[in-house]
Amino acid sequence: MTPMKELFYDFHIHSCLSPCGDDDMSPVNIAGMAYVKGLDVIAVTDHNSCRNCGPAIKQAEEYGIICIPGMEINTIEEVHALCLFSELKDALSFDEYVYTRLLKVKNNKDLFGNQILYGDEDNIIGEEENLLINATDIPFDRLYDLVEEYKGVMIPAHIDKEVNSLIKNLGFIPGNSRFKTAEVKDLSKLHQLMESDTYLKGCRIINDSDAHTLGHIKEPEHTIQVTERTRASVLEALKEGI
């Protein structure tokens, strides 16, 4: 039997492309902080966009860190979910599709913040003009299959939060749900969540930072067991759950 490898993770990090992310959250700074904190695998998950993931992957490789390209999507019900991909090309294809389904409103930088795009050399190459935190017209009950079409994994984000969460916004976990991993922000609420909806008892529960600043990137607290130290192996573990 192949011995399992334990990786310290943080699967929910916003770069400076998210308007709520600090301008200091550049790909090189994210990778560097993850290295300082002792993480093995991270995911860059900007609001409705994957376009800073390529530079983040390149910078993370310099530190021997696995970086998963991802997105925190906002559904038509304003439910947030993590969409993670093994291959950058699949993430960028998904990005292109989601952008066509995003409500287009110009970003007010003074109100919401900058939306900075980086190149592979950690150089600023531009800004996104349309506000990325808006809702898309994609319904939650379509999301799992949609992400799977792009060879990715969908994970409901911070399901215990009072805003933008599956349970709060929909009021329940749909009976036709297929996700095997869910994110909980406050693990002290986990028992209550599982008592209120037994679906979660069959799920892998992850706990991430949802970092918008460098200091909030997760400490090495929680691990995921994988067969290989690769993006594909991490995604397979998240897809299978427990």
C-alpha atoms as a PDB file:
ATOM      1  CA  MET A   1       0.000   0.000   0.000  1.00  0.00           C
ATOM      2  CA  THR A   2       1.303   3.461  -0.959  1.00  0.00           C
ATOM      3  CA  PRO A   3       1.972   5.518   2.177  1.00  0.00           C
ATOM      4  CA  MET A   4      -0.184   8.639   2.438  1.00  0.00           C
ATOM      5  CA  LYS A   5       1.357  12.103   2.533  1.00  0.00           C
ATOM      6  CA  GLU A   6       0.007  14.787   4.851  1.00  0.00           C
ATOM      7  CA  LEU A   7      -0.017  18.322   3.486  1.00  0.00           C
ATOM      8  CA  PHE A   8      -0.736  21.508   5.415  1.00  0.00           C
ATOM      9  CA  TYR A   9      -3.264  23.474   3.382  1.00  0.00           C
ATOM     10  CA  ASP A  10      -5.114  26.729   2.851  1.00  0.00           C
ATOM     11  CA  PHE A  11      -7.581  26.407  -0.027  1.00  0.00           C
ATOM     12  CA  HIS A  12      -9.160  29.877   0.200  1.00  0.00           C
ATOM     13  CA  ILE A  13      -6.844  32.839  -0.445  1.00  0.00           C
ATOM     14  CA  HIS A  14      -7.706  36.062  -2.275  1.00  0.00           C
ATOM     15  CA  SER A  15      -5.143  37.943  -4.315  1.00  0.00           C
ATOM     16  CA  CYS A  16      -5.222  41.656  -5.115  1.00  0.00           C
ATOM     17  CA  LEU A  17      -7.519  40.824  -8.046  1.00  0.00           C
ATOM     18  CA  SER A  18     -10.373  40.549  -5.536  1.00  0.00           C
ATOM     19  CA  PRO A  19     -11.498  44.108  -4.746  1.00  0.00           C
ATOM     20  CA  CYS A  20     -11.605  43.233  -1.048  1.00  0.00           C
ATOM     21  CA  GLY A  21      -8.028  41.882  -1.155  1.00  0.00           C
ATOM     22  CA  ASP A  22      -5.126  44.085  -0.098  1.00  0.00           C
ATOM     23  CA  ASP A  23      -2.940  45.431  -2.879  1.00  0.00           C
ATOM     24  CA  ASP A  24      -0.058  43.620  -1.118  1.00  0.00           C
ATOM     25  CA  MET A  25      -1.659  40.264  -2.004  1.00  0.00           C
ATOM     26  CA  SER A  26       0.464  39.793  -5.112  1.00  0.00           C
ATOM     27  CA  PRO A  27       1.305  36.274  -6.312  1.00  0.00           C
ATOM     28  CA  VAL A  28       4.902  36.474  -5.074  1.00  0.00           C
ATOM     29  CA  ASN A  29       3.841  37.798  -1.654  1.00  0.00           C
ATOM     30  CA  ILE A  30       1.193  35.102  -1.247  1.00  0.00           C
ATOM     31  CA  ALA A  31       3.679  32.366  -2.140  1.00  0.00           C
ATOM     32  CA  GLY A  32       6.326  33.831   0.131  1.00  0.00           C
ATOM     33  CA  MET A  33       3.983  34.086   3.112  1.00  0.00           C
ATOM     34  CA  ALA A  34       2.721  30.546   2.559  1.00  0.00           C
ATOM     35  CA  TYR A  35       6.347  29.376   2.644  1.00  0.00           C
ATOM     36  CA  VAL A  36       7.115  31.354   5.800  1.00  0.00           C
ATOM     37  CA  LYS A  37       4.057  29.903   7.508  1.00  0.00           C
ATOM     38  CA  GLY A  38       4.965  26.347   6.514  1.00  0.00           C
ATOM     39  CA  LEU A  39       2.098  25.484   4.174  1.00  0.00           C
ATOM     40  CA  ASP A  40       2.442  22.716   1.598  1.00  0.00           C
ATOM     41  CA  VAL A  41      -0.537  23.494  -0.630  1.00  0.00           C
ATOM     42  CA  ILE A  42      -2.549  26.636  -1.241  1.00  0.00           C
ATOM     43  CA  ALA A  43      -5.322  27.737  -3.593  1.00  0.00           C
ATOM     44  CA  VAL A  44      -5.763  31.227  -4.996  1.00  0.00           C
ATOM     45  CA  THR A  45      -9.518  31.819  -5.159  1.00  0.00           C
ATOM     46  CA  ASP A  46     -10.457  35.316  -6.249  1.00  0.00           C
ATOM     47  CA  HIS A  47     -14.059  36.389  -6.611  1.00  0.00           C
ATOM     48  CA  ASN A  48     -15.407  35.116  -9.955  1.00  0.00           C
ATOM     49  CA  SER A  49     -11.928  35.027 -11.507  1.00  0.00           C
ATOM     50  CA  CYS A  50      -8.900  32.745 -11.961  1.00  0.00           C
ATOM     51  CA  ARG A  51      -6.706  35.248 -13.791  1.00  0.00           C
ATOM     52  CA  ASN A  52      -4.018  35.677 -11.122  1.00  0.00           C
ATOM     53  CA  CYS A  53      -3.647  31.911 -10.680  1.00  0.00           C
ATOM     54  CA  GLY A  54      -0.985  31.399 -13.355  1.00  0.00           C
ATOM     55  CA  PRO A  55       1.505  33.817 -11.776  1.00  0.00           C
ATOM     56  CA  ALA A  56       0.685  32.399  -8.331  1.00  0.00           C
ATOM     57  CA  ILE A  57       1.454  28.856  -9.505  1.00  0.00           C
ATOM     58  CA  LYS A  58       4.790  29.986 -10.919  1.00  0.00           C
ATOM     59  CA  GLN A  59       5.778  31.846  -7.756  1.00  0.00           C
ATOM     60  CA  ALA A  60       4.687  28.982  -5.477  1.00  0.00           C
ATOM     61  CA  GLU A  61       6.811  26.519  -7.448  1.00  0.00           C
ATOM     62  CA  GLU A  62       9.868  28.591  -6.508  1.00  0.00           C
ATOM     63  CA  TYR A  63       9.166  27.714  -2.875  1.00  0.00           C
ATOM     64  CA  GLY A  64       8.211  24.084  -3.469  1.00  0.00           C
ATOM     65  CA  ILE A  65       4.561  24.816  -2.683  1.00  0.00           C
ATOM     66  CA  ILE A  66       1.635  23.345  -4.606  1.00  0.00           C
ATOM     67  CA  CYS A  67      -0.691  26.097  -5.810  1.00  0.00           C
ATOM     68  CA  ILE A  68      -4.145  25.102  -7.011  1.00  0.00           C
ATOM     69  CA  PRO A  69      -5.865  27.426  -9.478  1.00  0.00           C
ATOM     70  CA  GLY A  70      -9.308  28.311  -8.234  1.00  0.00           C
ATOM     71  CA  MET A  71     -12.151  30.770  -7.877  1.00  0.00           C
ATOM     72  CA  GLU A  72     -14.700  31.779  -5.278  1.00  0.00           C
ATOM     73  CA  ILE A  73     -17.809  31.978  -7.405  1.00  0.00           C
ATOM     74  CA  ASN A  74     -20.946  33.912  -6.478  1.00  0.00           C
ATOM     75  CA  THR A  75     -24.110  32.157  -7.672  1.00  0.00           C
ATOM     76  CA  ILE A  76     -27.397  33.792  -8.635  1.00  0.00           C
ATOM     77  CA  GLU A  77     -28.584  33.163  -5.047  1.00  0.00           C
ATOM     78  CA  GLU A  78     -25.378  34.874  -3.811  1.00  0.00           C
ATOM     79  CA  VAL A  79     -24.051  31.608  -2.429  1.00  0.00           C
ATOM     80  CA  HIS A  80     -20.246  31.496  -2.424  1.00  0.00           C
ATOM     81  CA  ALA A  81     -18.456  28.308  -3.467  1.00  0.00           C
ATOM     82  CA  LEU A  82     -14.845  27.355  -4.110  1.00  0.00           C
ATOM     83  CA  CYS A  83     -14.133  25.973  -7.584  1.00  0.00           C
ATOM     84  CA  LEU A  84     -10.729  24.253  -7.704  1.00  0.00           C
ATOM     85  CA  PHE A  85      -8.914  22.808 -10.707  1.00  0.00           C
ATOM     86  CA  SER A  86      -5.955  20.553 -11.297  1.00  0.00           C
ATOM     87  CA  GLU A  87      -4.920  22.238 -14.552  1.00  0.00           C
ATOM     88  CA  LEU A  88      -4.556  25.967 -15.127  1.00  0.00           C
ATOM     89  CA  LYS A  89      -5.986  25.703 -18.641  1.00  0.00           C
ATOM     90  CA  ASP A  90      -9.229  24.270 -17.250  1.00  0.00           C
ATOM     91  CA  ALA A  91      -9.420  27.007 -14.630  1.00  0.00           C
ATOM     92  CA  LEU A  92      -8.937  29.712 -17.264  1.00  0.00           C
ATOM     93  CA  SER A  93     -11.559  28.151 -19.522  1.00  0.00           C
ATOM     94  CA  PHE A  94     -13.978  28.152 -16.590  1.00  0.00           C
ATOM     95  CA  ASP A  95     -12.999  31.769 -15.909  1.00  0.00           C
ATOM     96  CA  GLU A  96     -13.951  32.762 -19.449  1.00  0.00           C
ATOM     97  CA  TYR A  97     -17.353  31.104 -19.103  1.00  0.00           C
ATOM     98  CA  VAL A  98     -18.094  32.636 -15.694  1.00  0.00           C
ATOM     99  CA  TYR A  99     -17.163  36.111 -16.931  1.00  0.00           C
ATOM    100  CA  THR A 100     -19.911  35.881 -19.561  1.00  0.00           C
ATOM    101  CA  ARG A 101     -22.412  35.139 -16.769  1.00  0.00           C
ATOM    102  CA  LEU A 102     -21.251  37.912 -14.421  1.00  0.00           C
ATOM    103  CA  LEU A 103     -23.467  40.941 -13.856  1.00  0.00           C
ATOM    104  CA  LYS A 104     -21.418  43.706 -15.480  1.00  0.00           C
ATOM    105  CA  VAL A 105     -21.089  46.808 -13.320  1.00  0.00           C
ATOM    106  CA  LYS A 106     -18.022  49.039 -13.434  1.00  0.00           C
ATOM    107  CA  ASN A 107     -15.848  48.823 -10.341  1.00  0.00           C
ATOM    108  CA  ASN A 108     -15.734  51.865  -8.101  1.00  0.00           C
ATOM    109  CA  LYS A 109     -12.170  51.586  -6.816  1.00  0.00           C
ATOM    110  CA  ASP A 110     -12.692  54.190  -4.102  1.00  0.00           C
ATOM    111  CA  LEU A 111     -15.625  52.200  -2.723  1.00  0.00           C
ATOM    112  CA  PHE A 112     -14.684  48.559  -3.345  1.00  0.00           C
ATOM    113  CA  GLY A 113     -10.906  48.537  -3.908  1.00  0.00           C
ATOM    114  CA  ASN A 114      -8.510  47.807  -6.754  1.00  0.00           C
ATOM    115  CA  GLN A 115      -8.676  44.690  -8.949  1.00  0.00           C
ATOM    116  CA  ILE A 116      -5.051  44.200  -9.975  1.00  0.00           C
ATOM    117  CA  LEU A 117      -3.894  41.714 -12.613  1.00  0.00           C
ATOM    118  CA  TYR A 118      -0.367  40.302 -12.489  1.00  0.00           C
ATOM    119  CA  GLY A 119       1.948  38.767 -15.075  1.00  0.00           C
ATOM    120  CA  ASP A 120       4.271  35.802 -14.630  1.00  0.00           C
ATOM    121  CA  GLU A 121       7.165  37.977 -13.470  1.00  0.00           C
ATOM    122  CA  ASP A 122       5.094  39.464 -10.647  1.00  0.00           C
ATOM    123  CA  ASN A 123       4.587  42.606 -12.675  1.00  0.00           C
ATOM    124  CA  ILE A 124       1.299  44.467 -12.826  1.00  0.00           C
ATOM    125  CA  ILE A 125      -0.230  44.090 -16.287  1.00  0.00           C
ATOM    126  CA  GLY A 126      -3.558  45.837 -15.750  1.00  0.00           C
ATOM    127  CA  GLU A 127      -6.789  46.011 -13.791  1.00  0.00           C
ATOM    128  CA  GLU A 128     -10.198  44.415 -14.217  1.00  0.00           C
ATOM    129  CA  GLU A 129     -12.768  47.141 -14.899  1.00  0.00           C
ATOM    130  CA  ASN A 130     -15.945  45.253 -14.003  1.00  0.00           C
ATOM    131  CA  LEU A 131     -16.712  44.595 -10.346  1.00  0.00           C
ATOM    132  CA  LEU A 132     -15.883  40.953  -9.595  1.00  0.00           C
ATOM    133  CA  ILE A 133     -17.846  40.540  -6.367  1.00  0.00           C
ATOM    134  CA  ASN A 134     -21.202  40.738  -8.158  1.00  0.00           C
ATOM    135  CA  ALA A 135     -23.403  37.681  -8.546  1.00  0.00           C
ATOM    136  CA  THR A 136     -23.373  35.552 -11.658  1.00  0.00           C
ATOM    137  CA  ASP A 137     -26.558  34.147 -13.170  1.00  0.00           C
ATOM    138  CA  ILE A 138     -25.387  30.586 -12.439  1.00  0.00           C
ATOM    139  CA  PRO A 139     -27.691  28.732  -9.987  1.00  0.00           C
ATOM    140  CA  PHE A 140     -26.193  26.678  -7.178  1.00  0.00           C
ATOM    141  CA  ASP A 141     -27.987  23.497  -8.237  1.00  0.00           C
ATOM    142  CA  ARG A 142     -26.190  23.690 -11.596  1.00  0.00           C
ATOM    143  CA  LEU A 143     -22.765  24.470 -10.184  1.00  0.00           C
ATOM    144  CA  TYR A 144     -21.435  21.029  -9.234  1.00  0.00           C
ATOM    145  CA  ASP A 145     -22.025  19.590 -12.695  1.00  0.00           C
ATOM    146  CA  LEU A 146     -20.760  22.754 -14.380  1.00  0.00           C
ATOM    147  CA  VAL A 147     -17.451  22.716 -12.505  1.00  0.00           C
ATOM    148  CA  GLU A 148     -17.117  18.988 -13.185  1.00  0.00           C
ATOM    149  CA  GLU A 149     -17.465  19.715 -16.915  1.00  0.00           C
ATOM    150  CA  TYR A 150     -14.284  21.790 -16.565  1.00  0.00           C
ATOM    151  CA  LYS A 151     -12.587  18.946 -14.634  1.00  0.00           C
ATOM    152  CA  GLY A 152     -12.814  20.785 -11.338  1.00  0.00           C
ATOM    153  CA  VAL A 153     -14.220  20.278  -7.847  1.00  0.00           C
ATOM    154  CA  MET A 154     -16.915  22.455  -6.247  1.00  0.00           C
ATOM    155  CA  ILE A 155     -16.839  23.073  -2.492  1.00  0.00           C
ATOM    156  CA  PRO A 156     -19.483  25.216  -0.728  1.00  0.00           C
ATOM    157  CA  ALA A 157     -17.605  28.028   1.011  1.00  0.00           C
ATOM    158  CA  HIS A 158     -17.885  29.019   4.695  1.00  0.00           C
ATOM    159  CA  ILE A 159     -21.237  27.285   5.106  1.00  0.00           C
ATOM    160  CA  ASP A 160     -21.515  28.505   8.713  1.00  0.00           C
ATOM    161  CA  LYS A 161     -21.413  32.217   7.852  1.00  0.00           C
ATOM    162  CA  GLU A 162     -24.455  34.476   8.137  1.00  0.00           C
ATOM    163  CA  VAL A 163     -23.937  35.875   4.631  1.00  0.00           C
ATOM    164  CA  ASN A 164     -23.133  34.339   1.243  1.00  0.00           C
ATOM    165  CA  SER A 165     -23.328  30.768   2.533  1.00  0.00           C
ATOM    166  CA  LEU A 166     -25.230  27.766   1.247  1.00  0.00           C
ATOM    167  CA  ILE A 167     -27.199  27.141   4.434  1.00  0.00           C
ATOM    168  CA  LYS A 168     -27.977  30.798   5.204  1.00  0.00           C
ATOM    169  CA  ASN A 169     -28.900  31.869   1.673  1.00  0.00           C
ATOM    170  CA  LEU A 170     -30.835  28.760   0.621  1.00  0.00           C
ATOM    171  CA  GLY A 171     -31.925  27.724   4.099  1.00  0.00           C
ATOM    172  CA  PHE A 172     -30.960  24.084   3.544  1.00  0.00           C
ATOM    173  CA  ILE A 173     -28.627  21.753   1.669  1.00  0.00           C
ATOM    174  CA  PRO A 174     -30.445  20.662  -1.512  1.00  0.00           C
ATOM    175  CA  GLY A 175     -31.395  16.994  -1.558  1.00  0.00           C
ATOM    176  CA  ASN A 176     -29.708  16.417  -4.912  1.00  0.00           C
ATOM    177  CA  SER A 177     -26.330  17.717  -3.691  1.00  0.00           C
ATOM    178  CA  ARG A 178     -23.254  15.749  -4.751  1.00  0.00           C
ATOM    179  CA  PHE A 179     -20.371  17.641  -3.150  1.00  0.00           C
ATOM    180  CA  LYS A 180     -18.161  15.600  -0.815  1.00  0.00           C
ATOM    181  CA  THR A 181     -16.208  18.437   0.814  1.00  0.00           C
ATOM    182  CA  ALA A 182     -17.521  21.559   2.549  1.00  0.00           C
ATOM    183  CA  GLU A 183     -15.725  24.517   4.090  1.00  0.00           C
ATOM    184  CA  VAL A 184     -16.497  25.643   7.643  1.00  0.00           C
ATOM    185  CA  LYS A 185     -15.022  28.899   8.904  1.00  0.00           C
ATOM    186  CA  ASP A 186     -15.651  28.372  12.635  1.00  0.00           C
ATOM    187  CA  LEU A 187     -15.102  24.733  13.586  1.00  0.00           C
ATOM    188  CA  SER A 188     -16.805  25.274  16.944  1.00  0.00           C
ATOM    189  CA  LYS A 189     -20.073  25.353  14.953  1.00  0.00           C
ATOM    190  CA  LEU A 190     -19.418  22.024  13.235  1.00  0.00           C
ATOM    191  CA  HIS A 191     -21.337  19.794  15.662  1.00  0.00           C
ATOM    192  CA  GLN A 192     -24.411  22.015  15.464  1.00  0.00           C
ATOM    193  CA  LEU A 193     -24.211  22.082  11.670  1.00  0.00           C
ATOM    194  CA  MET A 194     -24.017  18.302  11.465  1.00  0.00           C
ATOM    195  CA  GLU A 195     -26.935  17.908  13.831  1.00  0.00           C
ATOM    196  CA  SER A 196     -29.041  20.270  11.735  1.00  0.00           C
ATOM    197  CA  ASP A 197     -28.203  18.550   8.439  1.00  0.00           C
ATOM    198  CA  THR A 198     -26.937  14.978   8.399  1.00  0.00           C
ATOM    199  CA  TYR A 199     -25.661  15.358   4.820  1.00  0.00           C
ATOM    200  CA  LEU A 200     -22.542  16.974   6.273  1.00  0.00           C
ATOM    201  CA  LYS A 201     -21.705  13.834   8.269  1.00  0.00           C
ATOM    202  CA  GLY A 202     -20.612  12.227   5.001  1.00  0.00           C
ATOM    203  CA  CYS A 203     -18.452  15.176   3.947  1.00  0.00           C
ATOM    204  CA  ARG A 204     -14.823  16.072   4.386  1.00  0.00           C
ATOM    205  CA  ILE A 205     -14.736  19.345   6.315  1.00  0.00           C
ATOM    206  CA  ILE A 206     -11.978  21.823   5.527  1.00  0.00           C
ATOM    207  CA  ASN A 207     -11.049  24.970   7.430  1.00  0.00           C
ATOM    208  CA  ASP A 208      -9.383  27.775   5.467  1.00  0.00           C
ATOM    209  CA  SER A 209      -8.361  31.360   6.031  1.00  0.00           C
ATOM    210  CA  ASP A 210     -10.413  33.209   3.392  1.00  0.00           C
ATOM    211  CA  ALA A 211      -7.418  35.528   3.586  1.00  0.00           C
ATOM    212  CA  HIS A 212      -7.591  39.027   2.134  1.00  0.00           C
ATOM    213  CA  THR A 213      -4.339  40.128   3.797  1.00  0.00           C
ATOM    214  CA  LEU A 214      -0.957  38.421   4.024  1.00  0.00           C
ATOM    215  CA  GLY A 215      -1.090  38.049   7.782  1.00  0.00           C
ATOM    216  CA  HIS A 216      -4.383  36.183   7.636  1.00  0.00           C
ATOM    217  CA  ILE A 217      -3.063  33.345   5.470  1.00  0.00           C
ATOM    218  CA  LYS A 218      -3.576  30.145   7.425  1.00  0.00           C
ATOM    219  CA  GLU A 219      -1.075  28.834   9.934  1.00  0.00           C
ATOM    220  CA  PRO A 220      -0.145  25.137   9.417  1.00  0.00           C
ATOM    221  CA  GLU A 221      -3.040  23.773  11.476  1.00  0.00           C
ATOM    222  CA  HIS A 222      -4.911  21.289   9.286  1.00  0.00           C
ATOM    223  CA  THR A 223      -3.724  18.651   6.855  1.00  0.00           C
ATOM    224  CA  ILE A 224      -5.108  16.711   3.934  1.00  0.00           C
ATOM    225  CA  GLN A 225      -3.872  13.203   3.170  1.00  0.00           C
ATOM    226  CA  VAL A 226      -2.949  12.491  -0.440  1.00  0.00           C
ATOM    227  CA  THR A 227      -1.280   9.664  -2.323  1.00  0.00           C
ATOM    228  CA  GLU A 228       1.061  11.993  -4.225  1.00  0.00           C
ATOM    229  CA  ARG A 229       2.309  15.543  -3.755  1.00  0.00           C
ATOM    230  CA  THR A 230       0.492  16.842  -6.847  1.00  0.00           C
ATOM    231  CA  ARG A 231      -2.453  19.086  -7.649  1.00  0.00           C
ATOM    232  CA  ALA A 232      -4.293  16.156  -9.189  1.00  0.00           C
ATOM    233  CA  SER A 233      -3.940  14.076  -6.029  1.00  0.00           C
ATOM    234  CA  VAL A 234      -5.171  16.931  -3.836  1.00  0.00           C
ATOM    235  CA  LEU A 235      -8.191  17.478  -6.091  1.00  0.00           C
ATOM    236  CA  GLU A 236      -8.991  13.769  -6.037  1.00  0.00           C
ATOM    237  CA  ALA A 237      -8.989  13.748  -2.227  1.00  0.00           C
ATOM    238  CA  LEU A 238     -11.326  16.768  -2.130  1.00  0.00           C
ATOM    239  CA  LYS A 239     -13.638  15.198  -4.682  1.00  0.00           C
ATOM    240  CA  GLU A 240     -13.842  11.892  -2.823  1.00  0.00           C
ATOM    241  CA  GLY A 241     -14.384  13.458   0.605  1.00  0.00           C
ATOM    242  CA  ILE A 242     -13.974  11.087   3.538  1.00  0.00           C
END
